[in-house]
Amino acid sequence: KAKTSPPSLDYSTKTIMTNLAPLNGDATTAKQLDELLFDCEITDSGLLPRTFWVSANSDIQQPRCFLEKMALEVFHKHVPSGFYYDPNTSGAEWWVQIRP
């Protein structure tokens, strides 16, 4: 029987410019994009820390906003299922950069 090797971490990186949703005038899409922009504007305020942490342990913390959900999706893209990690000390650091 052939041995299967354990999953490995994905260290690849890339940058992509994309639309998060089609700009077709749909009211639901517009509302979601408005909420996302609002989250970004609040997060980028001078009153909050510059970077944020979301835990990979869903028993400790569920994503509180769309930005944390996206950060965890990136984390899980790079740490495949079946790969052992300590969820109590693992997670994703994230931040917002708004350009004029």
Protein backbone atom coordinates (compact mmCIF):
# COMPACT_ATOMS: atom_id res chain seq x y z
CA LYS A 1 0.00 0.00 0.00
CA ALA A 2 1.46 3.38 -0.98
CA LYS A 3 2.18 5.83 1.81
CA THR A 4 0.61 9.23 1.50
CA SER A 5 2.63 12.16 2.68
CA PRO A 6 1.08 14.51 5.23
CA PRO A 7 -0.28 17.81 3.95
CA SER A 8 2.16 20.68 3.88
CA LEU A 9 1.79 24.39 4.48
CA ASP A 10 1.19 26.59 1.46
CA TYR A 11 3.71 29.45 1.59
CA SER A 12 2.76 30.85 -1.79
CA THR A 13 1.68 34.45 -1.98
CA LYS A 14 0.00 36.60 -4.54
CA THR A 15 -1.71 39.92 -4.86
CA ILE A 16 -4.88 40.33 -6.83
CA MET A 17 -7.05 43.26 -7.74
CA THR A 18 -10.62 42.08 -7.87
CA ASN A 19 -14.18 43.16 -7.39
CA LEU A 20 -15.68 41.52 -4.31
CA ALA A 21 -19.08 41.51 -5.94
CA PRO A 22 -20.52 42.28 -9.35
CA LEU A 23 -21.49 45.91 -9.68
CA ASN A 24 -24.83 45.26 -11.31
CA GLY A 25 -26.95 47.68 -9.30
CA ASP A 26 -28.38 44.92 -7.09
CA ALA A 27 -29.60 46.48 -3.80
CA THR A 28 -28.38 43.54 -1.68
CA THR A 29 -24.89 43.70 -3.21
CA ALA A 30 -24.75 47.47 -2.72
CA LYS A 31 -25.77 47.09 0.95
CA GLN A 32 -23.08 44.42 1.53
CA LEU A 33 -20.41 46.58 -0.11
CA ASP A 34 -21.52 49.59 1.97
CA GLU A 35 -21.21 47.48 5.14
CA LEU A 36 -17.75 46.26 4.08
CA LEU A 37 -16.57 49.81 3.36
CA PHE A 38 -17.99 50.95 6.71
CA ASP A 39 -16.06 48.15 8.49
CA CYS A 40 -12.89 49.22 6.67
CA GLU A 41 -13.35 52.89 7.57
CA ILE A 42 -13.95 52.10 11.25
CA THR A 43 -11.02 49.68 11.36
CA ASP A 44 -8.70 52.26 9.78
CA SER A 45 -9.56 54.94 12.36
CA GLY A 46 -6.81 56.34 14.57
CA LEU A 47 -8.65 55.20 17.70
CA LEU A 48 -8.09 51.49 17.09
CA PRO A 49 -4.92 49.39 16.89
CA ARG A 50 -3.21 49.28 13.50
CA THR A 51 -3.38 45.48 13.23
CA PHE A 52 -5.84 42.91 14.51
CA TRP A 53 -5.77 39.21 15.41
CA VAL A 54 -8.43 36.59 14.85
CA SER A 55 -8.00 33.21 16.52
CA ALA A 56 -8.23 29.99 14.54
CA ASN A 57 -10.00 28.47 17.58
CA SER A 58 -13.70 28.94 16.91
CA ASP A 59 -14.47 27.92 20.52
CA ILE A 60 -12.65 31.08 21.68
CA GLN A 61 -13.72 33.54 19.01
CA GLN A 62 -16.07 33.59 16.05
CA PRO A 63 -15.38 36.15 13.31
CA ARG A 64 -16.96 39.44 14.39
CA CYS A 65 -17.09 41.00 10.94
CA PHE A 66 -16.57 40.25 7.27
CA LEU A 67 -12.90 41.32 7.52
CA GLU A 68 -12.17 38.69 10.18
CA LYS A 69 -14.03 36.07 8.14
CA MET A 70 -11.83 36.88 5.12
CA ALA A 71 -8.67 36.70 7.26
CA LEU A 72 -9.64 33.22 8.48
CA GLU A 73 -10.39 32.11 4.92
CA VAL A 74 -6.84 33.13 3.95
CA PHE A 75 -5.49 31.29 7.01
CA HIS A 76 -7.33 28.09 6.02
CA LYS A 77 -6.15 28.45 2.41
CA HIS A 78 -2.54 28.30 3.62
CA VAL A 79 -3.11 25.69 6.35
CA PRO A 80 -4.89 22.77 4.69
CA SER A 81 -7.32 20.48 6.45
CA GLY A 82 -5.50 17.51 7.95
CA PHE A 83 -2.47 19.65 8.84
CA TYR A 84 -1.90 19.73 12.58
CA TYR A 85 -1.71 23.13 14.23
CA ASP A 86 -2.52 24.40 17.70
CA PRO A 87 -5.75 26.40 17.30
CA ASN A 88 -5.17 28.08 20.68
CA THR A 89 -2.03 29.82 19.42
CA SER A 90 -2.83 29.99 15.69
CA GLY A 91 -4.82 32.50 13.73
CA ALA A 92 -4.48 35.42 11.37
CA GLU A 93 -3.19 38.94 11.77
CA TRP A 94 -5.01 41.39 9.53
CA TRP A 95 -5.21 45.09 8.82
CA VAL A 96 -6.90 47.58 6.53
CA GLN A 97 -5.19 49.95 4.14
CA ILE A 98 -7.47 52.49 2.54
CA ARG A 99 -6.02 54.32 -0.44
CA PRO A 100 -7.60 57.50 -1.77
